[in-house]
N, C-alpha and C. Protein backbone atom coordinates (compact mmCIF):
# COMPACT_ATOMS: atom_id res chain seq x y z
N MET A 1 -19.55 38.30 -32.54
CA MET A 1 -20.21 37.79 -31.35
C MET A 1 -20.54 36.30 -31.50
N LYS A 2 -20.95 35.94 -32.74
CA LYS A 2 -21.29 34.56 -32.99
C LYS A 2 -20.04 33.67 -32.84
N ASN A 3 -18.91 34.14 -33.30
CA ASN A 3 -17.66 33.38 -33.18
C ASN A 3 -17.24 33.23 -31.71
N LEU A 4 -17.45 34.25 -30.92
CA LEU A 4 -17.11 34.20 -29.50
C LEU A 4 -17.96 33.15 -28.78
N LEU A 5 -19.25 33.08 -29.12
CA LEU A 5 -20.14 32.09 -28.51
C LEU A 5 -19.72 30.67 -28.92
N LEU A 6 -19.31 30.50 -30.18
CA LEU A 6 -18.86 29.19 -30.63
C LEU A 6 -17.59 28.77 -29.91
N ILE A 7 -16.67 29.68 -29.70
CA ILE A 7 -15.43 29.37 -28.98
C ILE A 7 -15.72 29.01 -27.53
N ILE A 8 -16.59 29.74 -26.87
CA ILE A 8 -16.96 29.46 -25.48
C ILE A 8 -17.66 28.10 -25.39
N ALA A 9 -18.56 27.81 -26.32
CA ALA A 9 -19.27 26.54 -26.33
C ALA A 9 -18.28 25.39 -26.55
N ALA A 10 -17.33 25.58 -27.45
CA ALA A 10 -16.33 24.54 -27.71
C ALA A 10 -15.46 24.30 -26.48
N LEU A 11 -15.09 25.38 -25.78
CA LEU A 11 -14.31 25.23 -24.54
C LEU A 11 -15.11 24.49 -23.47
N LEU A 12 -16.39 24.81 -23.33
CA LEU A 12 -17.23 24.13 -22.34
C LEU A 12 -17.36 22.64 -22.67
N VAL A 13 -17.53 22.31 -23.94
CA VAL A 13 -17.62 20.91 -24.35
C VAL A 13 -16.30 20.19 -24.06
N ALA A 14 -15.18 20.84 -24.34
CA ALA A 14 -13.87 20.24 -24.10
C ALA A 14 -13.65 20.01 -22.61
N ILE A 15 -14.02 20.98 -21.78
CA ILE A 15 -13.87 20.85 -20.33
C ILE A 15 -14.76 19.73 -19.81
N ALA A 16 -16.00 19.68 -20.29
CA ALA A 16 -16.93 18.63 -19.87
C ALA A 16 -16.41 17.25 -20.28
N ALA A 17 -15.85 17.14 -21.47
CA ALA A 17 -15.30 15.87 -21.93
C ALA A 17 -14.11 15.46 -21.08
N ALA A 18 -13.24 16.41 -20.75
CA ALA A 18 -12.07 16.11 -19.92
C ALA A 18 -12.50 15.65 -18.53
N LEU A 19 -13.44 16.36 -17.92
CA LEU A 19 -13.93 15.97 -16.59
C LEU A 19 -14.62 14.61 -16.63
N GLY A 20 -15.38 14.35 -17.67
CA GLY A 20 -16.03 13.05 -17.83
C GLY A 20 -15.01 11.93 -17.98
N GLY A 21 -13.96 12.19 -18.73
CA GLY A 21 -12.91 11.19 -18.90
C GLY A 21 -12.20 10.89 -17.60
N ILE A 22 -11.91 11.92 -16.83
CA ILE A 22 -11.26 11.73 -15.53
C ILE A 22 -12.17 10.93 -14.60
N TRP A 23 -13.44 11.28 -14.55
CA TRP A 23 -14.38 10.56 -13.70
C TRP A 23 -14.47 9.09 -14.12
N TYR A 24 -14.57 8.83 -15.43
CA TYR A 24 -14.69 7.47 -15.92
C TYR A 24 -13.44 6.64 -15.61
N SER A 25 -12.26 7.24 -15.80
CA SER A 25 -11.04 6.49 -15.55
C SER A 25 -10.88 6.17 -14.07
N ASN A 26 -11.32 7.05 -13.19
CA ASN A 26 -11.24 6.78 -11.75
C ASN A 26 -12.23 5.71 -11.33
N SER A 27 -13.39 5.65 -11.96
CA SER A 27 -14.39 4.67 -11.56
C SER A 27 -14.09 3.28 -12.09
N THR A 28 -13.32 3.15 -13.16
CA THR A 28 -13.02 1.83 -13.73
C THR A 28 -11.60 1.39 -13.47
N ALA A 29 -10.83 2.16 -12.74
CA ALA A 29 -9.44 1.80 -12.48
C ALA A 29 -9.39 0.55 -11.60
N ALA A 30 -8.39 -0.27 -11.81
CA ALA A 30 -8.22 -1.47 -11.00
C ALA A 30 -7.93 -1.06 -9.56
N PRO A 31 -8.49 -1.81 -8.61
CA PRO A 31 -8.22 -1.46 -7.21
C PRO A 31 -6.73 -1.58 -6.91
N VAL A 32 -6.26 -0.63 -6.15
CA VAL A 32 -4.86 -0.62 -5.75
C VAL A 32 -4.69 -1.65 -4.64
N PRO A 33 -3.75 -2.58 -4.78
CA PRO A 33 -3.57 -3.57 -3.71
C PRO A 33 -3.15 -2.90 -2.42
N ALA A 34 -3.64 -3.44 -1.32
CA ALA A 34 -3.30 -2.88 0.00
C ALA A 34 -1.82 -3.09 0.25
N THR A 35 -1.22 -2.09 0.83
CA THR A 35 0.19 -2.24 1.17
C THR A 35 0.31 -3.20 2.34
N GLU A 36 1.45 -3.81 2.47
CA GLU A 36 1.66 -4.73 3.57
C GLU A 36 1.50 -3.98 4.89
N SER A 37 0.88 -4.65 5.83
CA SER A 37 0.69 -4.00 7.13
C SER A 37 2.02 -3.97 7.88
N ARG A 38 2.12 -2.98 8.73
CA ARG A 38 3.33 -2.84 9.54
C ARG A 38 3.35 -3.95 10.58
N PRO A 39 4.54 -4.34 11.00
CA PRO A 39 4.62 -5.39 12.02
C PRO A 39 4.10 -4.89 13.36
N LEU A 40 3.52 -5.81 14.11
CA LEU A 40 3.03 -5.53 15.46
C LEU A 40 3.94 -6.29 16.42
N PHE A 41 4.27 -5.66 17.53
CA PHE A 41 5.24 -6.22 18.47
C PHE A 41 4.58 -6.53 19.81
N HIS A 42 4.96 -7.66 20.38
CA HIS A 42 4.48 -8.06 21.70
C HIS A 42 5.68 -8.47 22.56
N PRO A 43 6.16 -7.57 23.41
CA PRO A 43 7.30 -7.95 24.28
C PRO A 43 6.84 -8.90 25.38
N LEU A 44 7.64 -9.91 25.63
CA LEU A 44 7.38 -10.82 26.75
C LEU A 44 8.11 -10.30 27.98
N GLU A 45 7.64 -10.71 29.15
CA GLU A 45 8.34 -10.35 30.38
C GLU A 45 9.74 -10.97 30.35
N ARG A 46 10.65 -10.32 31.03
CA ARG A 46 12.03 -10.81 31.10
C ARG A 46 12.03 -12.26 31.61
N PHE A 47 12.84 -13.07 30.96
CA PHE A 47 12.94 -14.49 31.29
C PHE A 47 14.30 -14.74 31.92
N VAL A 48 14.31 -15.33 33.12
CA VAL A 48 15.55 -15.63 33.83
C VAL A 48 15.51 -17.10 34.21
N ILE A 49 16.58 -17.82 33.88
CA ILE A 49 16.67 -19.23 34.25
C ILE A 49 18.11 -19.53 34.66
N SER A 50 18.27 -20.39 35.65
CA SER A 50 19.62 -20.77 36.06
C SER A 50 20.17 -21.79 35.08
N VAL A 51 21.47 -21.68 34.82
CA VAL A 51 22.15 -22.63 33.95
C VAL A 51 23.25 -23.30 34.77
N ALA A 52 23.49 -24.56 34.48
CA ALA A 52 24.44 -25.35 35.27
C ALA A 52 25.87 -24.87 35.08
N HIS A 53 26.57 -24.80 36.23
CA HIS A 53 28.00 -24.47 36.23
C HIS A 53 28.61 -25.15 37.44
N GLU A 54 29.85 -25.58 37.30
CA GLU A 54 30.49 -26.37 38.36
C GLU A 54 30.63 -25.62 39.69
N HIS A 55 31.06 -24.37 39.65
CA HIS A 55 31.44 -23.70 40.89
C HIS A 55 30.48 -22.60 41.35
N HIS A 56 29.74 -22.00 40.47
CA HIS A 56 28.93 -20.84 40.83
C HIS A 56 27.51 -20.97 40.27
N SER A 57 26.62 -20.18 40.84
CA SER A 57 25.29 -20.05 40.26
C SER A 57 25.40 -19.16 39.02
N ARG A 58 24.86 -19.60 37.94
CA ARG A 58 24.89 -18.85 36.68
C ARG A 58 23.47 -18.71 36.16
N TYR A 59 23.24 -17.62 35.41
CA TYR A 59 21.90 -17.33 34.93
C TYR A 59 21.92 -16.93 33.47
N LEU A 60 20.83 -17.27 32.80
CA LEU A 60 20.56 -16.81 31.44
C LEU A 60 19.37 -15.87 31.54
N VAL A 61 19.55 -14.66 31.06
CA VAL A 61 18.48 -13.66 31.07
C VAL A 61 18.15 -13.34 29.61
N LEU A 62 16.88 -13.48 29.27
CA LEU A 62 16.43 -13.20 27.90
C LEU A 62 15.29 -12.20 27.92
N GLU A 63 15.34 -11.27 27.00
CA GLU A 63 14.20 -10.40 26.73
C GLU A 63 13.83 -10.64 25.29
N LEU A 64 12.58 -11.05 25.08
CA LEU A 64 12.10 -11.40 23.75
C LEU A 64 10.94 -10.50 23.35
N THR A 65 10.84 -10.24 22.06
CA THR A 65 9.69 -9.56 21.50
C THR A 65 9.18 -10.42 20.35
N LEU A 66 7.88 -10.68 20.37
CA LEU A 66 7.26 -11.50 19.33
C LEU A 66 6.68 -10.58 18.27
N VAL A 67 6.77 -11.00 17.01
CA VAL A 67 6.35 -10.16 15.89
C VAL A 67 5.24 -10.87 15.12
N THR A 68 4.21 -10.10 14.76
CA THR A 68 3.11 -10.57 13.93
C THR A 68 2.61 -9.42 13.08
N SER A 69 1.85 -9.72 12.06
CA SER A 69 1.22 -8.66 11.27
C SER A 69 -0.29 -8.70 11.47
N ASP A 70 -0.78 -9.58 12.33
CA ASP A 70 -2.20 -9.76 12.57
C ASP A 70 -2.55 -9.30 13.99
N ALA A 71 -3.40 -8.30 14.09
CA ALA A 71 -3.76 -7.74 15.40
C ALA A 71 -4.45 -8.78 16.29
N GLN A 72 -5.14 -9.74 15.70
CA GLN A 72 -5.82 -10.77 16.49
C GLN A 72 -4.81 -11.66 17.21
N VAL A 73 -3.63 -11.80 16.65
CA VAL A 73 -2.61 -12.65 17.27
C VAL A 73 -2.13 -12.02 18.58
N LEU A 74 -2.12 -10.68 18.66
CA LEU A 74 -1.65 -10.02 19.88
C LEU A 74 -2.47 -10.44 21.10
N ALA A 75 -3.79 -10.52 20.95
CA ALA A 75 -4.64 -10.95 22.06
C ALA A 75 -4.34 -12.39 22.46
N VAL A 76 -4.09 -13.23 21.48
CA VAL A 76 -3.76 -14.62 21.75
C VAL A 76 -2.43 -14.72 22.50
N LEU A 77 -1.47 -13.89 22.11
CA LEU A 77 -0.15 -13.95 22.76
C LEU A 77 -0.24 -13.57 24.23
N GLU A 78 -1.07 -12.61 24.55
CA GLU A 78 -1.26 -12.23 25.95
C GLU A 78 -1.85 -13.40 26.73
N GLU A 79 -2.83 -14.05 26.14
CA GLU A 79 -3.50 -15.19 26.78
C GLU A 79 -2.56 -16.39 26.92
N ALA A 80 -1.73 -16.61 25.90
CA ALA A 80 -0.88 -17.80 25.86
C ALA A 80 0.50 -17.58 26.48
N ALA A 81 0.76 -16.43 27.07
CA ALA A 81 2.07 -16.12 27.62
C ALA A 81 2.58 -17.19 28.60
N PRO A 82 1.76 -17.73 29.51
CA PRO A 82 2.28 -18.78 30.40
C PRO A 82 2.75 -20.02 29.64
N LEU A 83 2.06 -20.37 28.57
CA LEU A 83 2.47 -21.52 27.76
C LEU A 83 3.82 -21.25 27.08
N LEU A 84 3.99 -20.02 26.60
CA LEU A 84 5.23 -19.67 25.91
C LEU A 84 6.39 -19.62 26.88
N ARG A 85 6.17 -19.08 28.07
CA ARG A 85 7.24 -19.05 29.08
C ARG A 85 7.62 -20.48 29.49
N ASN A 86 6.62 -21.35 29.60
CA ASN A 86 6.91 -22.75 29.93
C ASN A 86 7.73 -23.39 28.81
N ALA A 87 7.46 -23.06 27.58
CA ALA A 87 8.23 -23.59 26.45
C ALA A 87 9.69 -23.14 26.54
N LEU A 88 9.91 -21.90 27.00
CA LEU A 88 11.28 -21.43 27.19
C LEU A 88 11.98 -22.22 28.30
N VAL A 89 11.26 -22.48 29.39
CA VAL A 89 11.85 -23.26 30.47
C VAL A 89 12.23 -24.65 29.95
N GLU A 90 11.34 -25.27 29.19
CA GLU A 90 11.64 -26.59 28.63
C GLU A 90 12.88 -26.53 27.73
N GLN A 91 12.99 -25.47 26.95
CA GLN A 91 14.11 -25.37 26.01
C GLN A 91 15.45 -25.18 26.72
N PHE A 92 15.46 -24.40 27.80
CA PHE A 92 16.74 -24.06 28.43
C PHE A 92 16.98 -24.74 29.78
N ALA A 93 16.07 -25.59 30.24
CA ALA A 93 16.17 -26.17 31.57
C ALA A 93 17.44 -27.00 31.77
N ASN A 94 17.87 -27.71 30.79
CA ASN A 94 19.04 -28.59 30.94
C ASN A 94 20.26 -28.04 30.21
N THR A 95 20.29 -26.73 30.05
CA THR A 95 21.39 -26.09 29.36
C THR A 95 22.47 -25.70 30.36
N SER A 96 23.70 -26.00 30.03
CA SER A 96 24.82 -25.59 30.88
C SER A 96 25.24 -24.17 30.49
N HIS A 97 26.03 -23.58 31.36
CA HIS A 97 26.56 -22.24 31.10
C HIS A 97 27.32 -22.22 29.77
N GLN A 98 28.17 -23.20 29.57
CA GLN A 98 28.96 -23.27 28.33
C GLN A 98 28.07 -23.47 27.11
N GLN A 99 27.06 -24.32 27.21
CA GLN A 99 26.15 -24.54 26.08
C GLN A 99 25.38 -23.26 25.74
N ALA A 100 24.96 -22.53 26.77
CA ALA A 100 24.25 -21.28 26.53
C ALA A 100 25.15 -20.28 25.81
N ARG A 101 26.37 -20.13 26.30
CA ARG A 101 27.31 -19.19 25.67
C ARG A 101 27.57 -19.59 24.21
N GLN A 102 27.71 -20.87 23.98
CA GLN A 102 27.97 -21.35 22.63
C GLN A 102 26.75 -21.14 21.73
N ALA A 103 25.56 -21.45 22.23
CA ALA A 103 24.33 -21.31 21.43
C ALA A 103 24.11 -19.88 20.99
N PHE A 104 24.40 -18.93 21.89
CA PHE A 104 24.12 -17.54 21.57
C PHE A 104 25.21 -16.89 20.71
N GLN A 105 26.14 -17.69 20.23
CA GLN A 105 27.06 -17.20 19.20
C GLN A 105 26.32 -17.02 17.88
N ASP A 106 25.22 -17.77 17.70
CA ASP A 106 24.39 -17.68 16.49
C ASP A 106 22.97 -17.28 16.89
N ILE A 107 22.77 -15.99 17.08
CA ILE A 107 21.47 -15.47 17.55
C ILE A 107 20.34 -15.87 16.61
N THR A 108 20.60 -15.83 15.31
CA THR A 108 19.57 -16.17 14.32
C THR A 108 19.07 -17.59 14.53
N GLN A 109 19.96 -18.51 14.79
CA GLN A 109 19.57 -19.90 15.02
C GLN A 109 18.74 -20.02 16.30
N VAL A 110 19.13 -19.33 17.35
CA VAL A 110 18.36 -19.37 18.60
C VAL A 110 16.97 -18.78 18.38
N GLN A 111 16.88 -17.68 17.66
CA GLN A 111 15.57 -17.07 17.37
C GLN A 111 14.69 -18.05 16.61
N GLN A 112 15.24 -18.71 15.60
CA GLN A 112 14.48 -19.67 14.81
C GLN A 112 14.02 -20.85 15.66
N SER A 113 14.89 -21.32 16.52
CA SER A 113 14.55 -22.44 17.39
C SER A 113 13.41 -22.08 18.34
N ILE A 114 13.48 -20.88 18.92
CA ILE A 114 12.43 -20.42 19.83
C ILE A 114 11.13 -20.23 19.06
N LEU A 115 11.20 -19.66 17.87
CA LEU A 115 10.00 -19.46 17.04
C LEU A 115 9.31 -20.80 16.77
N GLU A 116 10.08 -21.79 16.35
CA GLU A 116 9.50 -23.11 16.07
C GLU A 116 8.87 -23.70 17.32
N ARG A 117 9.55 -23.57 18.46
CA ARG A 117 9.01 -24.11 19.71
C ARG A 117 7.72 -23.39 20.10
N PHE A 118 7.70 -22.07 19.99
CA PHE A 118 6.49 -21.30 20.32
C PHE A 118 5.32 -21.69 19.42
N ASN A 119 5.56 -21.77 18.12
CA ASN A 119 4.47 -22.11 17.20
C ASN A 119 3.98 -23.54 17.42
N THR A 120 4.89 -24.46 17.74
CA THR A 120 4.48 -25.83 18.07
C THR A 120 3.64 -25.83 19.34
N THR A 121 4.05 -25.05 20.32
CA THR A 121 3.30 -24.95 21.58
C THR A 121 1.90 -24.39 21.33
N LEU A 122 1.81 -23.33 20.51
CA LEU A 122 0.49 -22.76 20.21
C LEU A 122 -0.40 -23.79 19.51
N ARG A 123 0.14 -24.46 18.50
CA ARG A 123 -0.65 -25.47 17.77
C ARG A 123 -1.07 -26.61 18.72
N GLY A 124 -0.17 -27.03 19.57
CA GLY A 124 -0.46 -28.13 20.50
C GLY A 124 -1.52 -27.77 21.53
N ASN A 125 -1.79 -26.49 21.70
CA ASN A 125 -2.80 -26.05 22.67
C ASN A 125 -4.00 -25.44 21.97
N LYS A 126 -4.22 -25.86 20.72
CA LYS A 126 -5.42 -25.51 19.94
C LYS A 126 -5.52 -24.05 19.53
N TYR A 127 -4.39 -23.35 19.44
CA TYR A 127 -4.38 -21.99 18.91
C TYR A 127 -4.03 -22.09 17.43
N SER A 128 -4.84 -21.47 16.59
CA SER A 128 -4.55 -21.51 15.15
C SER A 128 -3.60 -20.39 14.74
N GLN A 129 -3.46 -19.38 15.57
CA GLN A 129 -2.58 -18.26 15.25
C GLN A 129 -1.13 -18.67 15.38
N GLN A 130 -0.30 -18.02 14.58
CA GLN A 130 1.13 -18.32 14.60
C GLN A 130 1.92 -17.02 14.70
N ILE A 131 3.07 -17.11 15.33
CA ILE A 131 3.99 -16.00 15.46
C ILE A 131 4.85 -15.98 14.21
N GLU A 132 5.14 -14.79 13.70
CA GLU A 132 5.93 -14.69 12.48
C GLU A 132 7.43 -14.60 12.75
N GLN A 133 7.78 -14.02 13.89
CA GLN A 133 9.20 -13.83 14.16
C GLN A 133 9.41 -13.66 15.66
N VAL A 134 10.56 -14.10 16.14
CA VAL A 134 10.99 -13.87 17.53
C VAL A 134 12.24 -13.01 17.47
N LEU A 135 12.21 -11.91 18.19
CA LEU A 135 13.38 -11.04 18.29
C LEU A 135 13.97 -11.19 19.68
N ILE A 136 15.25 -11.41 19.75
CA ILE A 136 15.94 -11.41 21.05
C ILE A 136 16.44 -9.99 21.23
N THR A 137 15.78 -9.26 22.12
CA THR A 137 16.09 -7.85 22.30
C THR A 137 17.18 -7.62 23.36
N ASN A 138 17.41 -8.66 24.19
CA ASN A 138 18.49 -8.56 25.17
C ASN A 138 18.81 -9.97 25.63
N VAL A 139 20.09 -10.25 25.76
CA VAL A 139 20.53 -11.54 26.30
C VAL A 139 21.70 -11.26 27.22
N PHE A 140 21.67 -11.92 28.36
CA PHE A 140 22.74 -11.78 29.34
C PHE A 140 23.00 -13.16 29.92
N ILE A 141 24.22 -13.62 29.80
CA ILE A 141 24.61 -14.90 30.36
C ILE A 141 25.65 -14.61 31.42
N GLN A 142 25.30 -14.86 32.67
CA GLN A 142 26.20 -14.55 33.78
C GLN A 142 26.84 -15.79 34.30
């Protein structure tokens, strides 16, 4: 009986030590870095602008989605949408049909150009927030 009590006491001490070790290691573990946040998307209204052509009326139709990882930027984008649309008009106002077709051969370059223009427009109007990426979700040149 005495040996049985010693075995039970030893098991209880071992279990208590194991639980204490687990608790201690969890309380002193280095904090796990936060995973990167998922991207947040803000689609702009469809953008239509006429482009110069000798014989016919021609149009450039763009659908853009702006990308950020900061939820506060989404509210700013809604507020600044007229400024961003005006920046698009400035960028494409003097574009001919042929120039538009040629420019959109390199979508990545057009996206980068629009991104730079949008961020410059935001900074120029006292917004500290910046857009991380511009996605061209649809383009139609008629």
